[in-house]
Amino acid sequence: MSSLLIGSSAWEARTPKAGGPSWWARLARAIVNEWRVRRAKAEMHALDDLVLRDMGLGRCGIEHAVRFGRD
């Protein structure tokens, strides 16, 4: 048995802590975030090269800019 379970029952070890969001909430947030990223990528790819260049981006930098912002 793991030393992490000493002093607690198996049920207590499996239940999530009350302070953080639930597993379902984190999954839903990740799905919504991925949907927003894909929508933003589609919008950026719809722009022409001149507009992208004015923003300081090339087509290859769209993914990074959408996910992490510009440095």
PDB file of N, CA and C in Angstrom:
ATOM      1  N   MET A   1       0.842  -1.179   0.000  1.00  0.00           N
ATOM      2  CA  MET A   1       0.000   0.000   0.000  1.00  0.00           C
ATOM      3  C   MET A   1       0.883   1.236   0.000  1.00  0.00           C
ATOM      4  N   SER A   2       0.458   2.239  -0.673  1.00  0.00           N
ATOM      5  CA  SER A   2       1.220   3.470  -0.778  1.00  0.00           C
ATOM      6  C   SER A   2       1.242   4.216   0.546  1.00  0.00           C
ATOM      7  N   SER A   3       2.354   4.874   0.809  1.00  0.00           N
ATOM      8  CA  SER A   3       2.455   5.651   2.041  1.00  0.00           C
ATOM      9  C   SER A   3       1.563   6.888   1.992  1.00  0.00           C
ATOM     10  N   LEU A   4       1.078   7.252   0.807  1.00  0.00           N
ATOM     11  CA  LEU A   4       0.198   8.407   0.695  1.00  0.00           C
ATOM     12  C   LEU A   4      -1.181   8.127   1.270  1.00  0.00           C
ATOM     13  N   LEU A   5      -1.540   6.852   1.401  1.00  0.00           N
ATOM     14  CA  LEU A   5      -2.866   6.500   1.890  1.00  0.00           C
ATOM     15  C   LEU A   5      -2.899   6.264   3.395  1.00  0.00           C
ATOM     16  N   ILE A   6      -1.775   6.367   4.046  1.00  0.00           N
ATOM     17  CA  ILE A   6      -1.742   6.143   5.491  1.00  0.00           C
ATOM     18  C   ILE A   6      -2.532   7.252   6.173  1.00  0.00           C
ATOM     19  N   GLY A   7      -3.445   6.842   7.052  1.00  0.00           N
ATOM     20  CA  GLY A   7      -4.233   7.810   7.788  1.00  0.00           C
ATOM     21  C   GLY A   7      -5.522   8.209   7.097  1.00  0.00           C
ATOM     22  N   SER A   8      -5.817   7.626   5.945  1.00  0.00           N
ATOM     23  CA  SER A   8      -7.085   7.914   5.279  1.00  0.00           C
ATOM     24  C   SER A   8      -7.615   6.641   4.651  1.00  0.00           C
ATOM     25  N   SER A   9      -8.908   6.583   4.534  1.00  0.00           N
ATOM     26  CA  SER A   9      -9.513   5.410   3.925  1.00  0.00           C
ATOM     27  C   SER A   9      -9.380   5.482   2.406  1.00  0.00           C
ATOM     28  N   ALA A  10      -9.671   4.386   1.739  1.00  0.00           N
ATOM     29  CA  ALA A  10      -9.607   4.365   0.277  1.00  0.00           C
ATOM     30  C   ALA A  10     -10.625   5.334  -0.313  1.00  0.00           C
ATOM     31  N   TRP A  11     -11.795   5.481   0.321  1.00  0.00           N
ATOM     32  CA  TRP A  11     -12.803   6.404  -0.189  1.00  0.00           C
ATOM     33  C   TRP A  11     -12.319   7.854  -0.102  1.00  0.00           C
ATOM     34  N   GLU A  12     -11.686   8.206   1.015  1.00  0.00           N
ATOM     35  CA  GLU A  12     -11.172   9.564   1.181  1.00  0.00           C
ATOM     36  C   GLU A  12     -10.057   9.853   0.180  1.00  0.00           C
ATOM     37  N   ALA A  13      -9.294   8.853  -0.180  1.00  0.00           N
ATOM     38  CA  ALA A  13      -8.201   9.049  -1.127  1.00  0.00           C
ATOM     39  C   ALA A  13      -8.724   9.286  -2.536  1.00  0.00           C
ATOM     40  N   ARG A  14      -9.912   8.767  -2.864  1.00  0.00           N
ATOM     41  CA  ARG A  14     -10.460   8.906  -4.207  1.00  0.00           C
ATOM     42  C   ARG A  14     -11.333  10.135  -4.387  1.00  0.00           C
ATOM     43  N   THR A  15     -11.864  10.692  -3.320  1.00  0.00           N
ATOM     44  CA  THR A  15     -12.750  11.840  -3.468  1.00  0.00           C
ATOM     45  C   THR A  15     -11.940  13.098  -3.734  1.00  0.00           C
ATOM     46  N   PRO A  16     -12.425  13.976  -4.618  1.00  0.00           N
ATOM     47  CA  PRO A  16     -11.688  15.206  -4.921  1.00  0.00           C
ATOM     48  C   PRO A  16     -11.717  16.169  -3.745  1.00  0.00           C
ATOM     49  N   LYS A  17     -10.732  17.016  -3.684  1.00  0.00           N
ATOM     50  CA  LYS A  17     -10.674  18.024  -2.639  1.00  0.00           C
ATOM     51  C   LYS A  17     -11.760  19.067  -2.884  1.00  0.00           C
ATOM     52  N   ALA A  18     -12.258  19.658  -1.823  1.00  0.00           N
ATOM     53  CA  ALA A  18     -13.360  20.611  -1.927  1.00  0.00           C
ATOM     54  C   ALA A  18     -12.919  21.940  -2.538  1.00  0.00           C
ATOM     55  N   GLY A  19     -11.630  22.261  -2.523  1.00  0.00           N
ATOM     56  CA  GLY A  19     -11.176  23.565  -2.963  1.00  0.00           C
ATOM     57  C   GLY A  19     -11.140  23.775  -4.461  1.00  0.00           C
ATOM     58  N   GLY A  20     -10.885  22.737  -5.245  1.00  0.00           N
ATOM     59  CA  GLY A  20     -10.700  22.906  -6.684  1.00  0.00           C
ATOM     60  C   GLY A  20     -11.931  22.537  -7.485  1.00  0.00           C
ATOM     61  N   PRO A  21     -11.901  22.870  -8.773  1.00  0.00           N
ATOM     62  CA  PRO A  21     -13.036  22.517  -9.630  1.00  0.00           C
ATOM     63  C   PRO A  21     -13.092  21.005  -9.859  1.00  0.00           C
ATOM     64  N   SER A  22     -14.266  20.522 -10.131  1.00  0.00           N
ATOM     65  CA  SER A  22     -14.434  19.092 -10.352  1.00  0.00           C
ATOM     66  C   SER A  22     -13.807  18.663 -11.673  1.00  0.00           C
ATOM     67  N   TRP A  23     -13.686  17.377 -11.839  1.00  0.00           N
ATOM     68  CA  TRP A  23     -13.113  16.817 -13.062  1.00  0.00           C
ATOM     69  C   TRP A  23     -13.959  17.214 -14.261  1.00  0.00           C
ATOM     70  N   TRP A  24     -15.271  17.192 -14.101  1.00  0.00           N
ATOM     71  CA  TRP A  24     -16.175  17.550 -15.203  1.00  0.00           C
ATOM     72  C   TRP A  24     -16.036  19.015 -15.576  1.00  0.00           C
ATOM     73  N   ALA A  25     -15.864  19.874 -14.581  1.00  0.00           N
ATOM     74  CA  ALA A  25     -15.705  21.306 -14.858  1.00  0.00           C
ATOM     75  C   ALA A  25     -14.408  21.562 -15.607  1.00  0.00           C
ATOM     76  N   ARG A  26     -13.322  20.875 -15.225  1.00  0.00           N
ATOM     77  CA  ARG A  26     -12.045  21.045 -15.928  1.00  0.00           C
ATOM     78  C   ARG A  26     -12.144  20.523 -17.354  1.00  0.00           C
ATOM     79  N   LEU A  27     -12.836  19.404 -17.556  1.00  0.00           N
ATOM     80  CA  LEU A  27     -13.017  18.849 -18.901  1.00  0.00           C
ATOM     81  C   LEU A  27     -13.832  19.811 -19.765  1.00  0.00           C
ATOM     82  N   ALA A  28     -14.908  20.337 -19.213  1.00  0.00           N
ATOM     83  CA  ALA A  28     -15.744  21.270 -19.972  1.00  0.00           C
ATOM     84  C   ALA A  28     -14.953  22.524 -20.329  1.00  0.00           C
ATOM     85  N   ARG A  29     -14.138  23.029 -19.401  1.00  0.00           N
ATOM     86  CA  ARG A  29     -13.328  24.212 -19.675  1.00  0.00           C
ATOM     87  C   ARG A  29     -12.309  23.927 -20.772  1.00  0.00           C
ATOM     88  N   ALA A  30     -11.712  22.749 -20.760  1.00  0.00           N
ATOM     89  CA  ALA A  30     -10.733  22.384 -21.783  1.00  0.00           C
ATOM     90  C   ALA A  30     -11.390  22.265 -23.158  1.00  0.00           C
ATOM     91  N   ILE A  31     -12.590  21.711 -23.208  1.00  0.00           N
ATOM     92  CA  ILE A  31     -13.304  21.571 -24.482  1.00  0.00           C
ATOM     93  C   ILE A  31     -13.679  22.939 -25.033  1.00  0.00           C
ATOM     94  N   VAL A  32     -14.185  23.815 -24.183  1.00  0.00           N
ATOM     95  CA  VAL A  32     -14.561  25.161 -24.625  1.00  0.00           C
ATOM     96  C   VAL A  32     -13.326  25.924 -25.081  1.00  0.00           C
ATOM     97  N   ASN A  33     -12.223  25.784 -24.354  1.00  0.00           N
ATOM     98  CA  ASN A  33     -10.987  26.467 -24.733  1.00  0.00           C
ATOM     99  C   ASN A  33     -10.494  25.980 -26.099  1.00  0.00           C
ATOM    100  N   GLU A  34     -10.524  24.684 -26.330  1.00  0.00           N
ATOM    101  CA  GLU A  34     -10.090  24.147 -27.626  1.00  0.00           C
ATOM    102  C   GLU A  34     -11.002  24.632 -28.752  1.00  0.00           C
ATOM    103  N   TRP A  35     -12.296  24.728 -28.490  1.00  0.00           N
ATOM    104  CA  TRP A  35     -13.227  25.239 -29.491  1.00  0.00           C
ATOM    105  C   TRP A  35     -12.898  26.690 -29.832  1.00  0.00           C
ATOM    106  N   ARG A  36     -12.604  27.499 -28.812  1.00  0.00           N
ATOM    107  CA  ARG A  36     -12.243  28.896 -29.052  1.00  0.00           C
ATOM    108  C   ARG A  36     -10.953  29.017 -29.846  1.00  0.00           C
ATOM    109  N   VAL A  37      -9.974  28.171 -29.545  1.00  0.00           N
ATOM    110  CA  VAL A  37      -8.706  28.197 -30.275  1.00  0.00           C
ATOM    111  C   VAL A  37      -8.930  27.850 -31.736  1.00  0.00           C
ATOM    112  N   ARG A  38      -9.702  26.816 -32.001  1.00  0.00           N
ATOM    113  CA  ARG A  38      -9.954  26.421 -33.391  1.00  0.00           C
ATOM    114  C   ARG A  38     -10.714  27.499 -34.161  1.00  0.00           C
ATOM    115  N   ARG A  39     -11.659  28.155 -33.497  1.00  0.00           N
ATOM    116  CA  ARG A  39     -12.402  29.234 -34.151  1.00  0.00           C
ATOM    117  C   ARG A  39     -11.479  30.415 -34.462  1.00  0.00           C
ATOM    118  N   ALA A  40     -10.606  30.754 -33.504  1.00  0.00           N
ATOM    119  CA  ALA A  40      -9.670  31.859 -33.718  1.00  0.00           C
ATOM    120  C   ALA A  40      -8.678  31.531 -34.830  1.00  0.00           C
ATOM    121  N   LYS A  41      -8.219  30.273 -34.882  1.00  0.00           N
ATOM    122  CA  LYS A  41      -7.314  29.868 -35.963  1.00  0.00           C
ATOM    123  C   LYS A  41      -7.987  29.993 -37.322  1.00  0.00           C
ATOM    124  N   ALA A  42      -9.249  29.595 -37.404  1.00  0.00           N
ATOM    125  CA  ALA A  42      -9.978  29.704 -38.676  1.00  0.00           C
ATOM    126  C   ALA A  42     -10.123  31.163 -39.092  1.00  0.00           C
ATOM    127  N   GLU A  43     -10.397  32.033 -38.119  1.00  0.00           N
ATOM    128  CA  GLU A  43     -10.516  33.454 -38.435  1.00  0.00           C
ATOM    129  C   GLU A  43      -9.182  34.033 -38.891  1.00  0.00           C
ATOM    130  N   MET A  44      -8.089  33.632 -38.253  1.00  0.00           N
ATOM    131  CA  MET A  44      -6.773  34.141 -38.628  1.00  0.00           C
ATOM    132  C   MET A  44      -6.356  33.631 -40.003  1.00  0.00           C
ATOM    133  N   HIS A  45      -6.662  32.379 -40.312  1.00  0.00           N
ATOM    134  CA  HIS A  45      -6.319  31.834 -41.626  1.00  0.00           C
ATOM    135  C   HIS A  45      -7.140  32.492 -42.739  1.00  0.00           C
ATOM    136  N   ALA A  46      -8.286  33.067 -42.396  1.00  0.00           N
ATOM    137  CA  ALA A  46      -9.111  33.740 -43.397  1.00  0.00           C
ATOM    138  C   ALA A  46      -8.536  35.106 -43.788  1.00  0.00           C
ATOM    139  N   LEU A  47      -7.646  35.642 -42.969  1.00  0.00           N
ATOM    140  CA  LEU A  47      -7.041  36.939 -43.275  1.00  0.00           C
ATOM    141  C   LEU A  47      -6.002  36.792 -44.385  1.00  0.00           C
ATOM    142  N   ASP A  48      -5.781  37.869 -45.122  1.00  0.00           N
ATOM    143  CA  ASP A  48      -4.758  37.799 -46.167  1.00  0.00           C
ATOM    144  C   ASP A  48      -3.372  38.070 -45.567  1.00  0.00           C
ATOM    145  N   ASP A  49      -2.353  37.798 -46.360  1.00  0.00           N
ATOM    146  CA  ASP A  49      -0.977  37.886 -45.875  1.00  0.00           C
ATOM    147  C   ASP A  49      -0.568  39.294 -45.463  1.00  0.00           C
ATOM    148  N   LEU A  50      -1.100  40.311 -46.135  1.00  0.00           N
ATOM    149  CA  LEU A  50      -0.762  41.693 -45.779  1.00  0.00           C
ATOM    150  C   LEU A  50      -1.245  42.044 -44.368  1.00  0.00           C
ATOM    151  N   VAL A  51      -2.445  41.635 -44.045  1.00  0.00           N
ATOM    152  CA  VAL A  51      -2.994  41.916 -42.714  1.00  0.00           C
ATOM    153  C   VAL A  51      -2.201  41.161 -41.658  1.00  0.00           C
ATOM    154  N   LEU A  52      -1.882  39.910 -41.948  1.00  0.00           N
ATOM    155  CA  LEU A  52      -1.080  39.138 -41.002  1.00  0.00           C
ATOM    156  C   LEU A  52       0.297  39.767 -40.801  1.00  0.00           C
ATOM    157  N   ARG A  53       0.906  40.230 -41.879  1.00  0.00           N
ATOM    158  CA  ARG A  53       2.217  40.862 -41.791  1.00  0.00           C
ATOM    159  C   ARG A  53       2.135  42.153 -40.971  1.00  0.00           C
ATOM    160  N   ASP A  54       1.036  42.904 -41.119  1.00  0.00           N
ATOM    161  CA  ASP A  54       0.842  44.109 -40.317  1.00  0.00           C
ATOM    162  C   ASP A  54       0.767  43.787 -38.820  1.00  0.00           C
ATOM    163  N   MET A  55       0.235  42.622 -38.501  1.00  0.00           N
ATOM    164  CA  MET A  55       0.176  42.191 -37.104  1.00  0.00           C
ATOM    165  C   MET A  55       1.483  41.577 -36.638  1.00  0.00           C
ATOM    166  N   GLY A  56       2.426  41.400 -37.560  1.00  0.00           N
ATOM    167  CA  GLY A  56       3.704  40.806 -37.201  1.00  0.00           C
ATOM    168  C   GLY A  56       3.685  39.293 -37.195  1.00  0.00           C
ATOM    169  N   LEU A  57       2.777  38.712 -37.962  1.00  0.00           N
ATOM    170  CA  LEU A  57       2.647  37.260 -38.015  1.00  0.00           C
ATOM    171  C   LEU A  57       2.812  36.754 -39.434  1.00  0.00           C
ATOM    172  N   GLY A  58       3.240  35.513 -39.530  1.00  0.00           N
ATOM    173  CA  GLY A  58       3.190  34.781 -40.782  1.00  0.00           C
ATOM    174  C   GLY A  58       2.192  33.653 -40.613  1.00  0.00           C
ATOM    175  N   ARG A  59       1.893  32.970 -41.677  1.00  0.00           N
ATOM    176  CA  ARG A  59       0.931  31.863 -41.576  1.00  0.00           C
ATOM    177  C   ARG A  59       1.416  30.767 -40.623  1.00  0.00           C
ATOM    178  N   CYS A  60       2.721  30.573 -40.575  1.00  0.00           N
ATOM    179  CA  CYS A  60       3.244  29.517 -39.706  1.00  0.00           C
ATOM    180  C   CYS A  60       3.159  29.890 -38.227  1.00  0.00           C
ATOM    181  N   GLY A  61       2.976  31.167 -37.904  1.00  0.00           N
ATOM    182  CA  GLY A  61       2.917  31.597 -36.513  1.00  0.00           C
ATOM    183  C   GLY A  61       1.524  31.734 -35.950  1.00  0.00           C
ATOM    184  N   ILE A  62       0.518  31.417 -36.745  1.00  0.00           N
ATOM    185  CA  ILE A  62      -0.861  31.576 -36.291  1.00  0.00           C
ATOM    186  C   ILE A  62      -1.163  30.658 -35.114  1.00  0.00           C
ATOM    187  N   GLU A  63      -0.791  29.409 -35.208  1.00  0.00           N
ATOM    188  CA  GLU A  63      -1.087  28.439 -34.126  1.00  0.00           C
ATOM    189  C   GLU A  63      -0.502  28.914 -32.800  1.00  0.00           C
ATOM    190  N   HIS A  64       0.750  29.308 -32.811  1.00  0.00           N
ATOM    191  CA  HIS A  64       1.396  29.748 -31.572  1.00  0.00           C
ATOM    192  C   HIS A  64       0.767  31.033 -31.047  1.00  0.00           C
ATOM    193  N   ALA A  65       0.472  31.968 -31.932  1.00  0.00           N
ATOM    194  CA  ALA A  65      -0.123  33.237 -31.502  1.00  0.00           C
ATOM    195  C   ALA A  65      -1.508  33.034 -30.897  1.00  0.00           C
ATOM    196  N   VAL A  66      -2.283  32.130 -31.458  1.00  0.00           N
ATOM    197  CA  VAL A  66      -3.632  31.887 -30.948  1.00  0.00           C
ATOM    198  C   VAL A  66      -3.577  31.182 -29.603  1.00  0.00           C
ATOM    199  N   ARG A  67      -2.711  30.204 -29.461  1.00  0.00           N
ATOM    200  CA  ARG A  67      -2.643  29.449 -28.213  1.00  0.00           C
ATOM    201  C   ARG A  67      -1.945  30.190 -27.084  1.00  0.00           C
ATOM    202  N   PHE A  68      -0.852  30.908 -27.394  1.00  0.00           N
ATOM    203  CA  PHE A  68      -0.017  31.472 -26.338  1.00  0.00           C
ATOM    204  C   PHE A  68       0.097  32.982 -26.381  1.00  0.00           C
ATOM    205  N   GLY A  69      -0.441  33.636 -27.394  1.00  0.00           N
ATOM    206  CA  GLY A  69      -0.286  35.073 -27.544  1.00  0.00           C
ATOM    207  C   GLY A  69       1.048  35.396 -28.203  1.00  0.00           C
ATOM    208  N   ARG A  70       1.239  36.650 -28.503  1.00  0.00           N
ATOM    209  CA  ARG A  70       2.494  37.056 -29.133  1.00  0.00           C
ATOM    210  C   ARG A  70       3.485  37.459 -28.077  1.00  0.00           C
ATOM    211  N   ASP A  71       4.745  37.175 -28.318  1.00  0.00           N
ATOM    212  CA  ASP A  71       5.804  37.536 -27.355  1.00  0.00           C
ATOM    213  C   ASP A  71       6.268  38.945 -27.567  1.00  0.00           C
TER     214      ASP A  71
END
